[in-house]
Amino acid sequence: MPANTPSPDQVTGTPGARPSPGPRWQRTFAGDAGQIGVLRQWLASLLPPCPARDDVTYVASELGTNAVRHTASGQGGSFEVEVTCYGPLVRVAVADGGAPGGPRLIDDPQGESGRGLLVVRSLAVRTGQRGDHRGRLIWADIPWDTAVAGPVSPDSREAAIGDGLASLASRFSGVQAWFGRSTLQWWALAGGELVSAPSAQELCGLLDHLLGAPSAPMSQGGGRARADAPGRGARGLGR
């Protein structure tokens, strides 16, 4: 977290016992609006698909956007996102580069700005913020229904990656495919082409197209690139 900005564990929530923290992930993003999409992909790789994940993603995206638009993070800086599981809650904390004034929750849904933070307040069971122009931390606790979505565990992403690799291996024998953990993209080397896609399912479609009609244009959503080159791990397990 940036200097002079407290960590989530230093922020006091409502009185009473709080569940012990479970899995925790943290990542730094460049203070650029284009990074909000990368943030969403990162969360999708961490949490199992369910309505609660959509809520967590919305909150994180809104707080990240606020950091880019209204703080020093968006002036050549960066912001950090930390996701911590507390049993029936998932805490999203965003640390930014600081601003003279903090974000304000408004009561007018028809206002020109602030509506996103109003939605954040409606989705969270509690929110808070600390800091100043030197750096701030804004956090929100989002309900996580373990009966519906199941508990979040460190193995959630690995299980999803394993399922994707198994699907690719069963459909494209002999094609080297892997998940790039630094890029949060799926990659494959087929027919002399290095191709990528945001999900294993989309990569399957891309490979169907590429291997079935090598001269046809690439479909939108994937592309040729040089990143996370093959050989960074075992077959299908590049890191």
C-alpha atoms as a PDB file:
ATOM      1  CA  MET A   1       0.000   0.000   0.000  1.00  0.00           C
ATOM      2  CA  PRO A   2       1.218   3.588  -0.593  1.00  0.00           C
ATOM      3  CA  ALA A   3       3.055   5.374   2.205  1.00  0.00           C
ATOM      4  CA  ASN A   4       0.935   6.906   4.942  1.00  0.00           C
ATOM      5  CA  THR A   5      -2.038   4.776   3.945  1.00  0.00           C
ATOM      6  CA  PRO A   6      -3.318   2.200   6.447  1.00  0.00           C
ATOM      7  CA  SER A   7      -3.858  -1.397   5.475  1.00  0.00           C
ATOM      8  CA  PRO A   8      -7.405  -2.853   5.646  1.00  0.00           C
ATOM      9  CA  ASP A   9      -6.635  -4.489   8.976  1.00  0.00           C
ATOM     10  CA  GLN A  10      -5.951  -1.049  10.476  1.00  0.00           C
ATOM     11  CA  VAL A  11      -9.385   0.261   9.516  1.00  0.00           C
ATOM     12  CA  THR A  12     -12.028  -0.180  12.192  1.00  0.00           C
ATOM     13  CA  GLY A  13     -15.400  -1.436  10.983  1.00  0.00           C
ATOM     14  CA  THR A  14     -18.584  -1.801  12.948  1.00  0.00           C
ATOM     15  CA  PRO A  15     -18.237  -2.972  16.568  1.00  0.00           C
ATOM     16  CA  GLY A  16     -18.218  -6.659  17.317  1.00  0.00           C
ATOM     17  CA  ALA A  17     -16.215  -9.740  16.453  1.00  0.00           C
ATOM     18  CA  ARG A  18     -15.003 -10.012  12.886  1.00  0.00           C
ATOM     19  CA  PRO A  19     -14.236 -13.328  11.159  1.00  0.00           C
ATOM     20  CA  SER A  20     -10.570 -14.160  10.779  1.00  0.00           C
ATOM     21  CA  PRO A  21      -9.165 -13.160   7.395  1.00  0.00           C
ATOM     22  CA  GLY A  22      -8.966 -15.893   4.785  1.00  0.00           C
ATOM     23  CA  PRO A  23      -7.399 -15.778   1.317  1.00  0.00           C
ATOM     24  CA  ARG A  24      -5.941 -12.418   0.373  1.00  0.00           C
ATOM     25  CA  TRP A  25      -4.688 -11.076  -2.941  1.00  0.00           C
ATOM     26  CA  GLN A  26      -3.029  -7.772  -3.766  1.00  0.00           C
ATOM     27  CA  ARG A  27      -2.004  -6.169  -7.049  1.00  0.00           C
ATOM     28  CA  THR A  28      -0.720  -2.786  -8.230  1.00  0.00           C
ATOM     29  CA  PHE A  29      -2.196  -1.149 -11.332  1.00  0.00           C
ATOM     30  CA  ALA A  30      -0.968   1.812 -13.358  1.00  0.00           C
ATOM     31  CA  GLY A  31      -3.065   4.930 -12.865  1.00  0.00           C
ATOM     32  CA  ASP A  32      -4.690   4.645 -16.274  1.00  0.00           C
ATOM     33  CA  ALA A  33      -8.345   4.141 -17.203  1.00  0.00           C
ATOM     34  CA  GLY A  34      -7.399   1.172 -19.372  1.00  0.00           C
ATOM     35  CA  GLN A  35      -6.290  -0.698 -16.256  1.00  0.00           C
ATOM     36  CA  ILE A  36      -9.862  -1.013 -15.007  1.00  0.00           C
ATOM     37  CA  GLY A  37     -10.474  -3.753 -17.554  1.00  0.00           C
ATOM     38  CA  VAL A  38      -7.330  -5.532 -16.349  1.00  0.00           C
ATOM     39  CA  LEU A  39      -8.642  -5.214 -12.796  1.00  0.00           C
ATOM     40  CA  ARG A  40     -11.906  -6.891 -13.810  1.00  0.00           C
ATOM     41  CA  GLN A  41     -10.036  -9.748 -15.479  1.00  0.00           C
ATOM     42  CA  TRP A  42      -7.892 -10.187 -12.384  1.00  0.00           C
ATOM     43  CA  LEU A  43     -10.948 -10.501 -10.153  1.00  0.00           C
ATOM     44  CA  ALA A  44     -12.540 -12.967 -12.573  1.00  0.00           C
ATOM     45  CA  SER A  45      -9.404 -15.114 -12.257  1.00  0.00           C
ATOM     46  CA  LEU A  46      -9.585 -15.063  -8.441  1.00  0.00           C
ATOM     47  CA  LEU A  47     -13.259 -15.542  -7.596  1.00  0.00           C
ATOM     48  CA  PRO A  48     -15.762 -18.179  -8.764  1.00  0.00           C
ATOM     49  CA  PRO A  49     -18.558 -16.893 -11.054  1.00  0.00           C
ATOM     50  CA  CYS A  50     -21.665 -15.841  -9.116  1.00  0.00           C
ATOM     51  CA  PRO A  51     -23.746 -12.692  -8.495  1.00  0.00           C
ATOM     52  CA  ALA A  52     -21.560 -11.815  -5.500  1.00  0.00           C
ATOM     53  CA  ARG A  53     -18.490 -11.749  -7.741  1.00  0.00           C
ATOM     54  CA  ASP A  54     -20.310  -9.272  -9.987  1.00  0.00           C
ATOM     55  CA  ASP A  55     -20.883  -7.046  -6.951  1.00  0.00           C
ATOM     56  CA  VAL A  56     -17.226  -7.285  -5.897  1.00  0.00           C
ATOM     57  CA  THR A  57     -16.130  -6.498  -9.454  1.00  0.00           C
ATOM     58  CA  TYR A  58     -18.438  -3.476  -9.680  1.00  0.00           C
ATOM     59  CA  VAL A  59     -17.217  -2.065  -6.382  1.00  0.00           C
ATOM     60  CA  ALA A  60     -13.546  -2.586  -7.204  1.00  0.00           C
ATOM     61  CA  SER A  61     -14.004  -1.058 -10.663  1.00  0.00           C
ATOM     62  CA  GLU A  62     -15.772   1.998  -9.259  1.00  0.00           C
ATOM     63  CA  LEU A  63     -13.161   2.584  -6.556  1.00  0.00           C
ATOM     64  CA  GLY A  64     -10.346   2.048  -9.056  1.00  0.00           C
ATOM     65  CA  THR A  65     -11.954   4.471 -11.512  1.00  0.00           C
ATOM     66  CA  ASN A  66     -12.303   7.027  -8.740  1.00  0.00           C
ATOM     67  CA  ALA A  67      -8.604   6.664  -7.946  1.00  0.00           C
ATOM     68  CA  VAL A  68      -7.636   7.263 -11.575  1.00  0.00           C
ATOM     69  CA  ARG A  69      -9.975  10.209 -12.119  1.00  0.00           C
ATOM     70  CA  HIS A  70      -9.760  12.076  -8.841  1.00  0.00           C
ATOM     71  CA  THR A  71      -6.416  11.377  -7.167  1.00  0.00           C
ATOM     72  CA  ALA A  72      -2.701  11.612  -7.823  1.00  0.00           C
ATOM     73  CA  SER A  73      -2.820   7.992  -9.010  1.00  0.00           C
ATOM     74  CA  GLY A  74      -4.157   9.197 -12.347  1.00  0.00           C
ATOM     75  CA  GLN A  75      -1.324  11.685 -12.791  1.00  0.00           C
ATOM     76  CA  GLY A  76       1.385   9.230 -13.676  1.00  0.00           C
ATOM     77  CA  GLY A  77       0.975   7.211 -10.490  1.00  0.00           C
ATOM     78  CA  SER A  78      -0.592   3.903  -9.590  1.00  0.00           C
ATOM     79  CA  PHE A  79      -3.224   2.397  -7.333  1.00  0.00           C
ATOM     80  CA  GLU A  80      -3.304  -0.842  -5.387  1.00  0.00           C
ATOM     81  CA  VAL A  81      -6.189  -3.221  -4.902  1.00  0.00           C
ATOM     82  CA  GLU A  82      -6.412  -5.752  -2.100  1.00  0.00           C
ATOM     83  CA  VAL A  83      -9.119  -8.400  -1.891  1.00  0.00           C
ATOM     84  CA  THR A  84      -9.545 -10.213   1.427  1.00  0.00           C
ATOM     85  CA  CYS A  85     -12.087 -12.894   2.283  1.00  0.00           C
ATOM     86  CA  TYR A  86     -13.700 -12.821   5.716  1.00  0.00           C
ATOM     87  CA  GLY A  87     -16.095 -15.771   5.628  1.00  0.00           C
ATOM     88  CA  PRO A  88     -19.452 -14.246   4.621  1.00  0.00           C
ATOM     89  CA  LEU A  89     -17.770 -11.034   3.430  1.00  0.00           C
ATOM     90  CA  VAL A  90     -15.249 -10.047   0.783  1.00  0.00           C
ATOM     91  CA  ARG A  91     -13.408  -6.806   1.477  1.00  0.00           C
ATOM     92  CA  VAL A  92     -12.229  -4.699  -1.453  1.00  0.00           C
ATOM     93  CA  ALA A  93      -9.649  -2.060  -0.499  1.00  0.00           C
ATOM     94  CA  VAL A  94      -8.198   0.438  -2.958  1.00  0.00           C
ATOM     95  CA  ALA A  95      -5.180   2.549  -2.035  1.00  0.00           C
ATOM     96  CA  ASP A  96      -4.513   5.600  -4.197  1.00  0.00           C
ATOM     97  CA  GLY A  97      -1.950   8.379  -4.429  1.00  0.00           C
ATOM     98  CA  GLY A  98      -4.024  10.833  -2.417  1.00  0.00           C
ATOM     99  CA  ALA A  99      -6.168  13.895  -3.058  1.00  0.00           C
ATOM    100  CA  PRO A 100      -7.012  17.088  -1.140  1.00  0.00           C
ATOM    101  CA  GLY A 101     -10.599  15.928  -0.634  1.00  0.00           C
ATOM    102  CA  GLY A 102     -12.095  12.478  -0.359  1.00  0.00           C
ATOM    103  CA  PRO A 103     -14.872  11.057  -2.539  1.00  0.00           C
ATOM    104  CA  ARG A 104     -18.380  11.999  -1.418  1.00  0.00           C
ATOM    105  CA  LEU A 105     -21.421   9.761  -1.416  1.00  0.00           C
ATOM    106  CA  ILE A 106     -24.358  11.751  -2.754  1.00  0.00           C
ATOM    107  CA  ASP A 107     -28.060  11.272  -2.196  1.00  0.00           C
ATOM    108  CA  ASP A 108     -29.154  12.519  -5.624  1.00  0.00           C
ATOM    109  CA  PRO A 109     -29.161   9.652  -8.159  1.00  0.00           C
ATOM    110  CA  GLN A 110     -29.754  12.214 -10.926  1.00  0.00           C
ATOM    111  CA  GLY A 111     -26.600  14.159 -10.082  1.00  0.00           C
ATOM    112  CA  GLU A 112     -23.766  14.665 -12.539  1.00  0.00           C
ATOM    113  CA  SER A 113     -21.256  12.646 -10.495  1.00  0.00           C
ATOM    114  CA  GLY A 114     -21.006  10.361  -7.507  1.00  0.00           C
ATOM    115  CA  ARG A 115     -23.736   7.921  -8.540  1.00  0.00           C
ATOM    116  CA  GLY A 116     -21.214   5.090  -8.800  1.00  0.00           C
ATOM    117  CA  LEU A 117     -20.194   5.548  -5.185  1.00  0.00           C
ATOM    118  CA  LEU A 118     -23.860   5.635  -4.216  1.00  0.00           C
ATOM    119  CA  VAL A 119     -24.224   2.180  -5.769  1.00  0.00           C
ATOM    120  CA  VAL A 120     -21.106   1.053  -3.905  1.00  0.00           C
ATOM    121  CA  ARG A 121     -22.757   2.057  -0.640  1.00  0.00           C
ATOM    122  CA  SER A 122     -25.902   0.122  -1.572  1.00  0.00           C
ATOM    123  CA  LEU A 123     -23.934  -3.055  -2.342  1.00  0.00           C
ATOM    124  CA  ALA A 124     -21.693  -2.977   0.724  1.00  0.00           C
ATOM    125  CA  VAL A 125     -22.616  -3.772   4.299  1.00  0.00           C
ATOM    126  CA  ARG A 126     -20.089  -1.136   5.394  1.00  0.00           C
ATOM    127  CA  THR A 127     -17.541   1.168   3.823  1.00  0.00           C
ATOM    128  CA  GLY A 128     -14.768   3.395   5.091  1.00  0.00           C
ATOM    129  CA  GLN A 129     -11.826   5.537   4.112  1.00  0.00           C
ATOM    130  CA  ARG A 130      -8.706   7.001   5.656  1.00  0.00           C
ATOM    131  CA  GLY A 131      -5.836   9.132   4.458  1.00  0.00           C
ATOM    132  CA  ASP A 132      -5.223  12.511   2.875  1.00  0.00           C
ATOM    133  CA  HIS A 133      -3.345  14.136   0.003  1.00  0.00           C
ATOM    134  CA  ARG A 134      -0.369  11.876   0.682  1.00  0.00           C
ATOM    135  CA  GLY A 135      -2.332   8.655   0.135  1.00  0.00           C
ATOM    136  CA  ARG A 136      -5.699   7.180   0.971  1.00  0.00           C
ATOM    137  CA  LEU A 137      -7.359   3.827   1.498  1.00  0.00           C
ATOM    138  CA  ILE A 138     -11.010   3.285   0.602  1.00  0.00           C
ATOM    139  CA  TRP A 139     -12.654  -0.030   1.400  1.00  0.00           C
ATOM    140  CA  ALA A 140     -15.988  -1.813   1.164  1.00  0.00           C
ATOM    141  CA  ASP A 141     -17.232  -5.110   2.605  1.00  0.00           C
ATOM    142  CA  ILE A 142     -19.413  -7.049   0.147  1.00  0.00           C
ATOM    143  CA  PRO A 143     -21.696  -9.916   1.259  1.00  0.00           C
ATOM    144  CA  TRP A 144     -20.563 -13.322   0.003  1.00  0.00           C
ATOM    145  CA  ASP A 145     -23.189 -16.061   0.239  1.00  0.00           C
ATOM    146  CA  THR A 146     -21.148 -19.220   0.745  1.00  0.00           C
ATOM    147  CA  ALA A 147     -24.307 -21.349   0.452  1.00  0.00           C
ATOM    148  CA  VAL A 148     -24.707 -20.176  -3.162  1.00  0.00           C
ATOM    149  CA  ALA A 149     -21.193 -19.378  -4.339  1.00  0.00           C
ATOM    150  CA  GLY A 150     -19.206 -21.606  -2.006  1.00  0.00           C
ATOM    151  CA  PRO A 151     -16.273 -20.402   0.070  1.00  0.00           C
ATOM    152  CA  VAL A 152     -13.478 -18.546  -1.660  1.00  0.00           C
ATOM    153  CA  SER A 153     -10.212 -20.439  -1.414  1.00  0.00           C
ATOM    154  CA  PRO A 154      -6.703 -19.951  -2.803  1.00  0.00           C
ATOM    155  CA  ASP A 155      -7.409 -22.941  -5.055  1.00  0.00           C
ATOM    156  CA  SER A 156     -10.370 -21.296  -6.811  1.00  0.00           C
ATOM    157  CA  ARG A 157      -8.278 -19.864  -9.626  1.00  0.00           C
ATOM    158  CA  GLU A 158      -6.151 -22.986  -9.970  1.00  0.00           C
ATOM    159  CA  ALA A 159      -9.271 -25.126 -10.286  1.00  0.00           C
ATOM    160  CA  ALA A 160     -10.651 -22.852 -13.011  1.00  0.00           C
ATOM    161  CA  ILE A 161      -7.312 -22.871 -14.828  1.00  0.00           C
ATOM    162  CA  GLY A 162      -7.159 -26.653 -14.571  1.00  0.00           C
ATOM    163  CA  ASP A 163     -10.629 -26.996 -16.065  1.00  0.00           C
ATOM    164  CA  GLY A 164      -9.660 -24.702 -18.937  1.00  0.00           C
ATOM    165  CA  LEU A 165      -6.453 -26.597 -19.644  1.00  0.00           C
ATOM    166  CA  ALA A 166      -8.308 -29.912 -19.605  1.00  0.00           C
ATOM    167  CA  SER A 167     -10.850 -28.584 -22.095  1.00  0.00           C
ATOM    168  CA  LEU A 168      -8.137 -27.296 -24.414  1.00  0.00           C
ATOM    169  CA  ALA A 169      -6.149 -30.532 -24.203  1.00  0.00           C
ATOM    170  CA  SER A 170      -9.188 -32.672 -25.003  1.00  0.00           C
ATOM    171  CA  ARG A 171     -10.107 -30.592 -28.059  1.00  0.00           C
ATOM    172  CA  PHE A 172      -6.669 -29.722 -29.404  1.00  0.00           C
ATOM    173  CA  SER A 173      -4.277 -32.595 -28.880  1.00  0.00           C
ATOM    174  CA  GLY A 174      -0.702 -31.577 -29.572  1.00  0.00           C
ATOM    175  CA  VAL A 175      -1.363 -27.825 -29.239  1.00  0.00           C
ATOM    176  CA  GLN A 176       0.619 -26.110 -26.495  1.00  0.00           C
ATOM    177  CA  ALA A 177      -1.724 -23.943 -24.413  1.00  0.00           C
ATOM    178  CA  TRP A 178      -1.329 -22.171 -21.093  1.00  0.00           C
ATOM    179  CA  PHE A 179      -2.684 -19.439 -18.841  1.00  0.00           C
ATOM    180  CA  GLY A 180      -0.418 -16.406 -18.493  1.00  0.00           C
ATOM    181  CA  ARG A 181      -0.593 -15.313 -14.887  1.00  0.00           C
ATOM    182  CA  SER A 182       1.170 -12.018 -15.551  1.00  0.00           C
ATOM    183  CA  THR A 183      -1.118 -11.062 -18.445  1.00  0.00           C
ATOM    184  CA  LEU A 184      -4.303 -12.822 -17.231  1.00  0.00           C
ATOM    185  CA  GLN A 185      -4.734 -14.101 -20.791  1.00  0.00           C
ATOM    186  CA  TRP A 186      -4.969 -17.582 -22.284  1.00  0.00           C
ATOM    187  CA  TRP A 187      -2.300 -18.414 -24.834  1.00  0.00           C
ATOM    188  CA  ALA A 188      -1.645 -21.122 -27.432  1.00  0.00           C
ATOM    189  CA  LEU A 189       0.993 -21.920 -30.035  1.00  0.00           C
ATOM    190  CA  ALA A 190      -0.639 -23.510 -33.039  1.00  0.00           C
ATOM    191  CA  GLY A 191       0.269 -23.605 -36.700  1.00  0.00           C
ATOM    192  CA  GLY A 192       3.255 -21.389 -36.076  1.00  0.00           C
ATOM    193  CA  GLU A 193       1.050 -18.680 -34.573  1.00  0.00           C
ATOM    194  CA  LEU A 194       1.089 -17.396 -30.980  1.00  0.00           C
ATOM    195  CA  VAL A 195      -2.479 -16.406 -30.176  1.00  0.00           C
ATOM    196  CA  SER A 196      -4.295 -15.205 -27.069  1.00  0.00           C
ATOM    197  CA  ALA A 197      -7.805 -14.732 -25.715  1.00  0.00           C
ATOM    198  CA  PRO A 198      -9.364 -13.521 -22.434  1.00  0.00           C
ATOM    199  CA  SER A 199     -10.822 -16.940 -21.556  1.00  0.00           C
ATOM    200  CA  ALA A 200     -10.231 -20.621 -22.272  1.00  0.00           C
ATOM    201  CA  GLN A 201     -13.591 -20.823 -24.056  1.00  0.00           C
ATOM    202  CA  GLU A 202     -12.684 -17.930 -26.356  1.00  0.00           C
ATOM    203  CA  LEU A 203      -9.270 -19.474 -27.000  1.00  0.00           C
ATOM    204  CA  CYS A 204     -10.996 -22.693 -28.046  1.00  0.00           C
ATOM    205  CA  GLY A 205     -13.068 -20.741 -30.552  1.00  0.00           C
ATOM    206  CA  LEU A 206      -9.960 -18.958 -31.777  1.00  0.00           C
ATOM    207  CA  LEU A 207      -8.139 -22.255 -32.294  1.00  0.00           C
ATOM    208  CA  ASP A 208     -11.136 -23.730 -34.108  1.00  0.00           C
ATOM    209  CA  HIS A 209     -10.977 -20.788 -36.478  1.00  0.00           C
ATOM    210  CA  LEU A 210      -7.203 -20.791 -36.856  1.00  0.00           C
ATOM    211  CA  LEU A 211      -6.723 -24.524 -37.357  1.00  0.00           C
ATOM    212  CA  GLY A 212      -9.818 -24.916 -39.517  1.00  0.00           C
ATOM    213  CA  ALA A 213      -9.105 -21.946 -41.784  1.00  0.00           C
ATOM    214  CA  PRO A 214      -5.488 -20.787 -41.420  1.00  0.00           C
ATOM    215  CA  SER A 215      -5.814 -17.997 -43.976  1.00  0.00           C
ATOM    216  CA  ALA A 216      -8.962 -16.433 -42.523  1.00  0.00           C
ATOM    217  CA  PRO A 217      -8.783 -13.279 -40.359  1.00  0.00           C
ATOM    218  CA  MET A 218      -8.503 -13.688 -36.623  1.00  0.00           C
ATOM    219  CA  SER A 219     -11.777 -13.308 -34.709  1.00  0.00           C
ATOM    220  CA  GLN A 220     -12.232 -10.323 -32.421  1.00  0.00           C
ATOM    221  CA  GLY A 221     -11.371 -10.870 -28.748  1.00  0.00           C
ATOM    222  CA  GLY A 222      -8.055 -12.626 -29.305  1.00  0.00           C
ATOM    223  CA  GLY A 223      -4.879 -11.798 -31.138  1.00  0.00           C
ATOM    224  CA  ARG A 224      -1.300 -12.507 -31.966  1.00  0.00           C
ATOM    225  CA  ALA A 225       1.226 -11.193 -29.527  1.00  0.00           C
ATOM    226  CA  ARG A 226       4.505 -11.879 -27.787  1.00  0.00           C
ATOM    227  CA  ALA A 227       3.990 -12.296 -24.083  1.00  0.00           C
ATOM    228  CA  ASP A 228       4.311 -15.108 -21.590  1.00  0.00           C
ATOM    229  CA  ALA A 229       6.275 -17.054 -24.179  1.00  0.00           C
ATOM    230  CA  PRO A 230       6.022 -20.875 -24.206  1.00  0.00           C
ATOM    231  CA  GLY A 231       8.512 -22.731 -22.117  1.00  0.00           C
ATOM    232  CA  ARG A 232       7.935 -20.788 -18.898  1.00  0.00           C
ATOM    233  CA  GLY A 233       6.479 -23.893 -17.341  1.00  0.00           C
ATOM    234  CA  ALA A 234       5.274 -27.401 -18.073  1.00  0.00           C
ATOM    235  CA  ARG A 235       2.990 -27.976 -21.045  1.00  0.00           C
ATOM    236  CA  GLY A 236      -0.152 -25.949 -20.492  1.00  0.00           C
ATOM    237  CA  LEU A 237       1.115 -24.494 -17.234  1.00  0.00           C
ATOM    238  CA  GLY A 238       3.122 -21.407 -18.195  1.00  0.00           C
ATOM    239  CA  ARG A 239       3.416 -18.851 -15.414  1.00  0.00           C
END
